[in-house]
Amino acid sequence: MSIQQHSSLSILRLTAEHLKQIRYPQLTRPQVGPTQSATIELVQWGIQAYSLPWIRHFGVLVSGIVTLSDSENKAAVRIVGRSSFELCAHAYYVKKHLKQHLEAKNLSAAWEFLLPIATGSRYINEIHSEESELFPVPPHVQKAINCFKEVASKETEDDDYSYLSEYCHPNVMAFQQHYRWVTPDTIEFVDQVPSGALGSIAASGLQGLMAAEELLRIGNQQGVRKAIQNLLLALVEQDKAPTDN
């Protein structure tokens, strides 16, 4: 494993350890009826109802990536890593647009934006159209990916998502994880090649955590936000620590 891969895995391992320790509060929806105007309390509740499951799901994915990496299951690391990348892009997308609505003091727009984010389901909308009012079509993931390039490209290459995606479909990049050309006419099956994906996963994860922390600030959630802040500080301290040569 390269030094860069080792560092990225350390980031993911520390992230998984911290997120497993978080205890989540019970959320109670404010008594605002469906025909009443959105209040700041309702919007903040909606932000928490999105952010807390996001953090828990992200923690599960990162924990899985660490386990898969430790077991040398590099092909599966890329697949779960793509899901993690999408999740982090989504958090940034949600944070950016919510801030815009709230800075414009438009609570109704913020709430209308949150509804398909929190309750949208493309599957239910298409298969059970009679329930489309309860499960509106959520924003397409490509919107989030394109939005995420604003920050992801500062830490990673612009094509990281495309790179991870290629390994999730039956094509030459997925298949070449398992063989080498030993001569121009002969292929030999080998163990899975080095993943090269951990850096992209770790970098997107940091951006996702920062977006989640800001969402919790906007949503007036203090306890879990403090845990995320402590995690981010721990990651900074780990980065400063000397590494063995």
C-alpha atoms as a PDB file:
ATOM      1  CA  MET A   1       0.000   0.000   0.000  1.00  0.00           C
ATOM      2  CA  SER A   2       1.369   3.459  -0.932  1.00  0.00           C
ATOM      3  CA  ILE A   3       1.922   6.194   1.667  1.00  0.00           C
ATOM      4  CA  GLN A   4      -0.963   8.178   0.186  1.00  0.00           C
ATOM      5  CA  GLN A   5      -3.306   5.168   0.334  1.00  0.00           C
ATOM      6  CA  HIS A   6      -2.206   4.459   3.905  1.00  0.00           C
ATOM      7  CA  SER A   7      -2.947   8.066   4.904  1.00  0.00           C
ATOM      8  CA  SER A   8      -6.376   7.981   3.235  1.00  0.00           C
ATOM      9  CA  LEU A   9      -7.231   4.709   4.956  1.00  0.00           C
ATOM     10  CA  SER A  10      -6.190   6.216   8.298  1.00  0.00           C
ATOM     11  CA  ILE A  11      -8.561   9.126   7.679  1.00  0.00           C
ATOM     12  CA  LEU A  12     -11.406   6.742   6.910  1.00  0.00           C
ATOM     13  CA  ARG A  13     -10.604   4.512   9.878  1.00  0.00           C
ATOM     14  CA  LEU A  14     -10.602   7.444  12.313  1.00  0.00           C
ATOM     15  CA  THR A  15     -13.809   8.759  10.768  1.00  0.00           C
ATOM     16  CA  ALA A  16     -15.557   5.409  11.175  1.00  0.00           C
ATOM     17  CA  GLU A  17     -14.434   5.110  14.806  1.00  0.00           C
ATOM     18  CA  HIS A  18     -15.726   8.567  15.745  1.00  0.00           C
ATOM     19  CA  LEU A  19     -19.054   8.246  13.937  1.00  0.00           C
ATOM     20  CA  LYS A  20     -19.828   4.920  15.620  1.00  0.00           C
ATOM     21  CA  GLN A  21     -19.766   6.672  19.012  1.00  0.00           C
ATOM     22  CA  ILE A  22     -22.411   9.282  18.215  1.00  0.00           C
ATOM     23  CA  ARG A  23     -25.720   9.043  20.055  1.00  0.00           C
ATOM     24  CA  TYR A  24     -28.663  10.485  18.176  1.00  0.00           C
ATOM     25  CA  PRO A  25     -31.484  12.471  19.804  1.00  0.00           C
ATOM     26  CA  GLN A  26     -35.163  11.927  19.255  1.00  0.00           C
ATOM     27  CA  LEU A  27     -36.659  14.483  16.861  1.00  0.00           C
ATOM     28  CA  THR A  28     -40.118  15.951  17.392  1.00  0.00           C
ATOM     29  CA  ARG A  29     -41.737  17.785  14.502  1.00  0.00           C
ATOM     30  CA  PRO A  30     -43.034  21.282  15.303  1.00  0.00           C
ATOM     31  CA  GLN A  31     -46.812  21.590  15.264  1.00  0.00           C
ATOM     32  CA  VAL A  32     -47.068  23.340  11.909  1.00  0.00           C
ATOM     33  CA  GLY A  33     -49.926  22.168   9.698  1.00  0.00           C
ATOM     34  CA  PRO A  34     -49.597  21.426   5.966  1.00  0.00           C
ATOM     35  CA  THR A  35     -51.484  24.603   5.019  1.00  0.00           C
ATOM     36  CA  GLN A  36     -49.608  26.855   7.437  1.00  0.00           C
ATOM     37  CA  SER A  37     -46.577  28.900   6.484  1.00  0.00           C
ATOM     38  CA  ALA A  38     -43.203  27.346   7.216  1.00  0.00           C
ATOM     39  CA  THR A  39     -41.482  28.568  10.372  1.00  0.00           C
ATOM     40  CA  ILE A  40     -37.784  28.655  11.159  1.00  0.00           C
ATOM     41  CA  GLU A  41     -38.379  25.881  13.712  1.00  0.00           C
ATOM     42  CA  LEU A  42     -39.940  23.678  11.030  1.00  0.00           C
ATOM     43  CA  VAL A  43     -37.080  24.315   8.616  1.00  0.00           C
ATOM     44  CA  GLN A  44     -34.512  23.577  11.319  1.00  0.00           C
ATOM     45  CA  TRP A  45     -36.324  20.356  12.176  1.00  0.00           C
ATOM     46  CA  GLY A  46     -36.269  19.411   8.481  1.00  0.00           C
ATOM     47  CA  ILE A  47     -32.540  20.083   8.313  1.00  0.00           C
ATOM     48  CA  GLN A  48     -31.944  17.857  11.330  1.00  0.00           C
ATOM     49  CA  ALA A  49     -34.225  15.163   9.886  1.00  0.00           C
ATOM     50  CA  TYR A  50     -31.977  15.133   6.811  1.00  0.00           C
ATOM     51  CA  SER A  51     -28.570  15.640   8.430  1.00  0.00           C
ATOM     52  CA  LEU A  52     -28.713  13.079  11.226  1.00  0.00           C
ATOM     53  CA  PRO A  53     -29.625  10.110   8.984  1.00  0.00           C
ATOM     54  CA  TRP A  54     -27.019  11.395   6.525  1.00  0.00           C
ATOM     55  CA  ILE A  55     -24.312  11.207   9.190  1.00  0.00           C
ATOM     56  CA  ARG A  56     -25.399   7.761  10.313  1.00  0.00           C
ATOM     57  CA  HIS A  57     -25.508   6.419   6.740  1.00  0.00           C
ATOM     58  CA  PHE A  58     -22.156   7.986   5.920  1.00  0.00           C
ATOM     59  CA  GLY A  59     -20.647   6.358   8.999  1.00  0.00           C
ATOM     60  CA  VAL A  60     -21.957   2.945   7.942  1.00  0.00           C
ATOM     61  CA  LEU A  61     -20.530   3.344   4.429  1.00  0.00           C
ATOM     62  CA  VAL A  62     -17.123   4.447   5.709  1.00  0.00           C
ATOM     63  CA  SER A  63     -17.023   1.589   8.189  1.00  0.00           C
ATOM     64  CA  GLY A  64     -17.805  -0.802   5.339  1.00  0.00           C
ATOM     65  CA  ILE A  65     -15.070   0.691   3.170  1.00  0.00           C
ATOM     66  CA  VAL A  66     -12.524   0.203   5.949  1.00  0.00           C
ATOM     67  CA  THR A  67     -13.620  -3.416   6.471  1.00  0.00           C
ATOM     68  CA  LEU A  68     -13.481  -4.137   2.747  1.00  0.00           C
ATOM     69  CA  SER A  69     -10.067  -2.520   2.431  1.00  0.00           C
ATOM     70  CA  ASP A  70      -8.711  -4.507   5.376  1.00  0.00           C
ATOM     71  CA  SER A  71      -9.949  -7.706   3.730  1.00  0.00           C
ATOM     72  CA  GLU A  72      -8.322  -6.739   0.401  1.00  0.00           C
ATOM     73  CA  ASN A  73     -11.707  -6.551  -1.346  1.00  0.00           C
ATOM     74  CA  LYS A  74     -10.635  -3.667  -3.557  1.00  0.00           C
ATOM     75  CA  ALA A  75     -13.355  -4.091  -6.170  1.00  0.00           C
ATOM     76  CA  ALA A  76     -16.073  -3.625  -3.559  1.00  0.00           C
ATOM     77  CA  VAL A  77     -14.232  -0.623  -2.060  1.00  0.00           C
ATOM     78  CA  ARG A  78     -14.707   1.241  -5.323  1.00  0.00           C
ATOM     79  CA  ILE A  79     -18.420   0.428  -5.477  1.00  0.00           C
ATOM     80  CA  VAL A  80     -19.176   1.489  -1.892  1.00  0.00           C
ATOM     81  CA  GLY A  81     -16.816   4.429  -2.361  1.00  0.00           C
ATOM     82  CA  ARG A  82     -18.906   5.691  -5.242  1.00  0.00           C
ATOM     83  CA  SER A  83     -21.995   5.658  -3.006  1.00  0.00           C
ATOM     84  CA  SER A  84     -20.066   7.551  -0.336  1.00  0.00           C
ATOM     85  CA  PHE A  85     -18.931  10.117  -2.909  1.00  0.00           C
ATOM     86  CA  GLU A  86     -22.543  10.657  -4.019  1.00  0.00           C
ATOM     87  CA  LEU A  87     -23.660  11.056  -0.420  1.00  0.00           C
ATOM     88  CA  CYS A  88     -21.042  13.739   0.236  1.00  0.00           C
ATOM     89  CA  ALA A  89     -21.904  15.565  -2.970  1.00  0.00           C
ATOM     90  CA  HIS A  90     -25.551  15.525  -1.904  1.00  0.00           C
ATOM     91  CA  ALA A  91     -24.783  17.079   1.495  1.00  0.00           C
ATOM     92  CA  TYR A  92     -22.867  19.896  -0.155  1.00  0.00           C
ATOM     93  CA  TYR A  93     -25.695  20.445  -2.654  1.00  0.00           C
ATOM     94  CA  VAL A  94     -28.304  20.598   0.118  1.00  0.00           C
ATOM     95  CA  LYS A  95     -26.199  22.907   2.274  1.00  0.00           C
ATOM     96  CA  LYS A  96     -25.515  25.333  -0.570  1.00  0.00           C
ATOM     97  CA  HIS A  97     -29.128  25.737  -1.655  1.00  0.00           C
ATOM     98  CA  LEU A  98     -30.562  25.900   1.855  1.00  0.00           C
ATOM     99  CA  LYS A  99     -28.143  28.679   2.725  1.00  0.00           C
ATOM    100  CA  GLN A 100     -29.237  30.604  -0.345  1.00  0.00           C
ATOM    101  CA  HIS A 101     -32.913  30.360   0.610  1.00  0.00           C
ATOM    102  CA  LEU A 102     -32.309  31.245   4.252  1.00  0.00           C
ATOM    103  CA  GLU A 103     -29.995  34.146   3.447  1.00  0.00           C
ATOM    104  CA  ALA A 104     -32.823  35.466   1.267  1.00  0.00           C
ATOM    105  CA  LYS A 105     -35.114  35.008   4.315  1.00  0.00           C
ATOM    106  CA  ASN A 106     -37.388  32.780   2.255  1.00  0.00           C
ATOM    107  CA  LEU A 107     -38.548  30.095   4.678  1.00  0.00           C
ATOM    108  CA  SER A 108     -41.187  28.785   2.283  1.00  0.00           C
ATOM    109  CA  ALA A 109     -38.587  28.193  -0.441  1.00  0.00           C
ATOM    110  CA  ALA A 110     -36.286  26.491   2.069  1.00  0.00           C
ATOM    111  CA  TRP A 111     -39.080  24.151   3.183  1.00  0.00           C
ATOM    112  CA  GLU A 112     -40.199  23.419  -0.379  1.00  0.00           C
ATOM    113  CA  PHE A 113     -36.593  22.588  -1.231  1.00  0.00           C
ATOM    114  CA  LEU A 114     -36.305  20.231   1.745  1.00  0.00           C
ATOM    115  CA  LEU A 115     -39.450  18.227   1.018  1.00  0.00           C
ATOM    116  CA  PRO A 116     -38.221  16.234  -2.014  1.00  0.00           C
ATOM    117  CA  ILE A 117     -34.770  16.048  -0.420  1.00  0.00           C
ATOM    118  CA  ALA A 118     -36.108  14.295   2.673  1.00  0.00           C
ATOM    119  CA  THR A 119     -39.079  12.365   1.276  1.00  0.00           C
ATOM    120  CA  GLY A 120     -38.381  12.045  -2.447  1.00  0.00           C
ATOM    121  CA  SER A 121     -38.139   8.622  -4.058  1.00  0.00           C
ATOM    122  CA  ARG A 122     -37.696   8.148  -7.792  1.00  0.00           C
ATOM    123  CA  TYR A 123     -38.542   4.452  -7.442  1.00  0.00           C
ATOM    124  CA  ILE A 124     -41.824   4.986  -5.568  1.00  0.00           C
ATOM    125  CA  ASN A 125     -42.754   7.880  -7.830  1.00  0.00           C
ATOM    126  CA  GLU A 126     -42.319   5.806 -10.964  1.00  0.00           C
ATOM    127  CA  ILE A 127     -43.684   2.458  -9.721  1.00  0.00           C
ATOM    128  CA  HIS A 128     -46.475   3.770  -7.472  1.00  0.00           C
ATOM    129  CA  SER A 129     -47.468   7.027  -9.118  1.00  0.00           C
ATOM    130  CA  GLU A 130     -50.605   7.261  -6.999  1.00  0.00           C
ATOM    131  CA  GLU A 131     -48.333   8.099  -4.058  1.00  0.00           C
ATOM    132  CA  SER A 132     -46.306  10.725  -5.924  1.00  0.00           C
ATOM    133  CA  GLU A 133     -47.570  13.543  -3.690  1.00  0.00           C
ATOM    134  CA  LEU A 134     -46.057  11.842  -0.654  1.00  0.00           C
ATOM    135  CA  PHE A 135     -42.882  10.829  -2.454  1.00  0.00           C
ATOM    136  CA  PRO A 136     -41.956  13.537  -4.991  1.00  0.00           C
ATOM    137  CA  VAL A 137     -39.116  13.062  -7.448  1.00  0.00           C
ATOM    138  CA  PRO A 138     -35.846  14.006  -5.714  1.00  0.00           C
ATOM    139  CA  PRO A 139     -33.103  15.995  -7.444  1.00  0.00           C
ATOM    140  CA  HIS A 140     -31.070  13.861  -9.840  1.00  0.00           C
ATOM    141  CA  VAL A 141     -27.724  12.853  -8.357  1.00  0.00           C
ATOM    142  CA  GLN A 142     -25.901  14.460 -11.288  1.00  0.00           C
ATOM    143  CA  LYS A 143     -27.063  17.858 -10.019  1.00  0.00           C
ATOM    144  CA  ALA A 144     -25.327  17.170  -6.734  1.00  0.00           C
ATOM    145  CA  ILE A 145     -22.185  15.864  -8.460  1.00  0.00           C
ATOM    146  CA  ASN A 146     -21.948  18.950 -10.674  1.00  0.00           C
ATOM    147  CA  CYS A 147     -22.468  21.217  -7.676  1.00  0.00           C
ATOM    148  CA  PHE A 148     -19.850  19.302  -5.665  1.00  0.00           C
ATOM    149  CA  LYS A 149     -17.176  20.098  -8.243  1.00  0.00           C
ATOM    150  CA  GLU A 150     -17.016  23.566  -6.718  1.00  0.00           C
ATOM    151  CA  VAL A 151     -15.128  22.140  -3.760  1.00  0.00           C
ATOM    152  CA  ALA A 152     -14.203  18.579  -4.704  1.00  0.00           C
ATOM    153  CA  SER A 153     -11.925  19.738  -7.505  1.00  0.00           C
ATOM    154  CA  LYS A 154      -9.805  21.630  -4.985  1.00  0.00           C
ATOM    155  CA  GLU A 155      -8.833  18.383  -3.270  1.00  0.00           C
ATOM    156  CA  THR A 156      -9.285  15.799  -5.999  1.00  0.00           C
ATOM    157  CA  GLU A 157      -9.409  15.554  -9.755  1.00  0.00           C
ATOM    158  CA  ASP A 158     -12.588  16.642 -11.515  1.00  0.00           C
ATOM    159  CA  ASP A 159     -13.120  13.149 -12.942  1.00  0.00           C
ATOM    160  CA  ASP A 160     -13.024  11.250  -9.629  1.00  0.00           C
ATOM    161  CA  TYR A 161     -16.713  10.426  -9.790  1.00  0.00           C
ATOM    162  CA  SER A 162     -16.470   9.173 -13.359  1.00  0.00           C
ATOM    163  CA  TYR A 163     -13.469   7.083 -12.347  1.00  0.00           C
ATOM    164  CA  LEU A 164     -15.328   5.460  -9.449  1.00  0.00           C
ATOM    165  CA  SER A 165     -18.424   4.968 -11.578  1.00  0.00           C
ATOM    166  CA  GLU A 166     -16.566   3.051 -14.272  1.00  0.00           C
ATOM    167  CA  TYR A 167     -15.773   0.292 -11.790  1.00  0.00           C
ATOM    168  CA  CYS A 168     -19.451  -0.088 -10.882  1.00  0.00           C
ATOM    169  CA  HIS A 169     -20.517  -1.312 -14.332  1.00  0.00           C
ATOM    170  CA  PRO A 170     -19.571  -4.383 -16.411  1.00  0.00           C
ATOM    171  CA  ASN A 171     -16.881  -2.930 -18.646  1.00  0.00           C
ATOM    172  CA  VAL A 172     -13.161  -3.143 -19.327  1.00  0.00           C
ATOM    173  CA  MET A 173     -12.106  -1.153 -16.245  1.00  0.00           C
ATOM    174  CA  ALA A 174     -14.095  -3.420 -13.938  1.00  0.00           C
ATOM    175  CA  PHE A 175     -12.772  -6.570 -15.610  1.00  0.00           C
ATOM    176  CA  GLN A 176      -9.145  -5.427 -15.719  1.00  0.00           C
ATOM    177  CA  GLN A 177      -9.081  -5.430 -11.945  1.00  0.00           C
ATOM    178  CA  HIS A 178      -8.575  -9.178 -12.197  1.00  0.00           C
ATOM    179  CA  TYR A 179      -6.088  -9.823 -14.987  1.00  0.00           C
ATOM    180  CA  ARG A 180      -2.853  -8.631 -16.592  1.00  0.00           C
ATOM    181  CA  TRP A 181      -1.555  -8.809 -20.134  1.00  0.00           C
ATOM    182  CA  VAL A 182       1.709 -10.729 -19.749  1.00  0.00           C
ATOM    183  CA  THR A 183       2.354 -10.734 -23.494  1.00  0.00           C
ATOM    184  CA  PRO A 184       0.520  -8.992 -26.365  1.00  0.00           C
ATOM    185  CA  ASP A 185      -1.451 -12.227 -26.842  1.00  0.00           C
ATOM    186  CA  THR A 186      -1.834 -13.622 -23.323  1.00  0.00           C
ATOM    187  CA  ILE A 187      -3.706 -12.554 -20.210  1.00  0.00           C
ATOM    188  CA  GLU A 188      -3.083 -13.930 -16.760  1.00  0.00           C
ATOM    189  CA  PHE A 189      -5.544 -13.780 -13.892  1.00  0.00           C
ATOM    190  CA  VAL A 190      -4.177 -12.142 -10.740  1.00  0.00           C
ATOM    191  CA  ASP A 191      -5.321 -10.840  -7.375  1.00  0.00           C
ATOM    192  CA  GLN A 192      -7.229  -7.565  -7.501  1.00  0.00           C
ATOM    193  CA  VAL A 193      -5.033  -4.662  -8.524  1.00  0.00           C
ATOM    194  CA  PRO A 194      -4.400  -1.752  -6.090  1.00  0.00           C
ATOM    195  CA  SER A 195      -7.559   0.296  -5.761  1.00  0.00           C
ATOM    196  CA  GLY A 196      -6.350   3.875  -6.222  1.00  0.00           C
ATOM    197  CA  ALA A 197      -9.745   5.014  -4.918  1.00  0.00           C
ATOM    198  CA  LEU A 198      -9.128   5.707  -1.232  1.00  0.00           C
ATOM    199  CA  GLY A 199      -7.801   9.219  -1.821  1.00  0.00           C
ATOM    200  CA  SER A 200     -10.941  10.274  -3.692  1.00  0.00           C
ATOM    201  CA  ILE A 201     -13.165   8.675  -1.071  1.00  0.00           C
ATOM    202  CA  ALA A 202     -11.351  10.288   1.853  1.00  0.00           C
ATOM    203  CA  ALA A 203     -11.201  13.745   0.252  1.00  0.00           C
ATOM    204  CA  SER A 204     -14.891  13.738  -0.633  1.00  0.00           C
ATOM    205  CA  GLY A 205     -15.645  12.485   2.872  1.00  0.00           C
ATOM    206  CA  LEU A 206     -13.946  15.492   4.452  1.00  0.00           C
ATOM    207  CA  GLN A 207     -15.971  17.858   2.296  1.00  0.00           C
ATOM    208  CA  GLY A 208     -19.149  15.948   3.148  1.00  0.00           C
ATOM    209  CA  LEU A 209     -18.459  16.158   6.880  1.00  0.00           C
ATOM    210  CA  MET A 210     -17.834  19.893   6.661  1.00  0.00           C
ATOM    211  CA  ALA A 211     -21.115  20.337   4.802  1.00  0.00           C
ATOM    212  CA  ALA A 212     -22.931  18.227   7.406  1.00  0.00           C
ATOM    213  CA  GLU A 213     -21.415  20.249  10.244  1.00  0.00           C
ATOM    214  CA  GLU A 214     -22.614  23.478   8.647  1.00  0.00           C
ATOM    215  CA  LEU A 215     -26.078  22.022   8.088  1.00  0.00           C
ATOM    216  CA  LEU A 216     -26.276  21.141  11.780  1.00  0.00           C
ATOM    217  CA  ARG A 217     -25.285  24.723  12.632  1.00  0.00           C
ATOM    218  CA  ILE A 218     -28.032  26.069  10.392  1.00  0.00           C
ATOM    219  CA  GLY A 219     -30.433  23.500  11.849  1.00  0.00           C
ATOM    220  CA  ASN A 220     -29.582  24.540  15.430  1.00  0.00           C
ATOM    221  CA  GLN A 221     -28.448  21.044  16.425  1.00  0.00           C
ATOM    222  CA  GLN A 222     -25.664  21.233  18.999  1.00  0.00           C
ATOM    223  CA  GLY A 223     -24.880  17.752  20.333  1.00  0.00           C
ATOM    224  CA  VAL A 224     -24.148  15.853  17.127  1.00  0.00           C
ATOM    225  CA  ARG A 225     -22.601  18.970  15.621  1.00  0.00           C
ATOM    226  CA  LYS A 226     -20.071  19.032  18.478  1.00  0.00           C
ATOM    227  CA  ALA A 227     -19.197  15.396  17.756  1.00  0.00           C
ATOM    228  CA  ILE A 228     -18.592  16.219  14.078  1.00  0.00           C
ATOM    229  CA  GLN A 229     -16.451  19.204  15.056  1.00  0.00           C
ATOM    230  CA  ASN A 230     -14.385  16.950  17.331  1.00  0.00           C
ATOM    231  CA  LEU A 231     -13.958  14.488  14.479  1.00  0.00           C
ATOM    232  CA  LEU A 232     -12.780  17.207  12.114  1.00  0.00           C
ATOM    233  CA  LEU A 233     -10.304  18.450  14.736  1.00  0.00           C
ATOM    234  CA  ALA A 234      -9.050  14.890  15.260  1.00  0.00           C
ATOM    235  CA  LEU A 235      -8.489  14.538  11.526  1.00  0.00           C
ATOM    236  CA  VAL A 236      -6.492  17.789  11.498  1.00  0.00           C
ATOM    237  CA  GLU A 237      -4.357  16.563  14.406  1.00  0.00           C
ATOM    238  CA  GLN A 238      -3.790  13.233  12.695  1.00  0.00           C
ATOM    239  CA  ASP A 239      -2.651  15.043   9.568  1.00  0.00           C
ATOM    240  CA  LYS A 240      -0.113  17.011  11.639  1.00  0.00           C
ATOM    241  CA  ALA A 241       1.269  13.905  13.356  1.00  0.00           C
ATOM    242  CA  PRO A 242       4.590  12.580  11.980  1.00  0.00           C
ATOM    243  CA  THR A 243       4.422   9.365   9.992  1.00  0.00           C
ATOM    244  CA  ASP A 244       6.868   6.475  10.130  1.00  0.00           C
ATOM    245  CA  ASN A 245       9.114   6.153   7.100  1.00  0.00           C
END
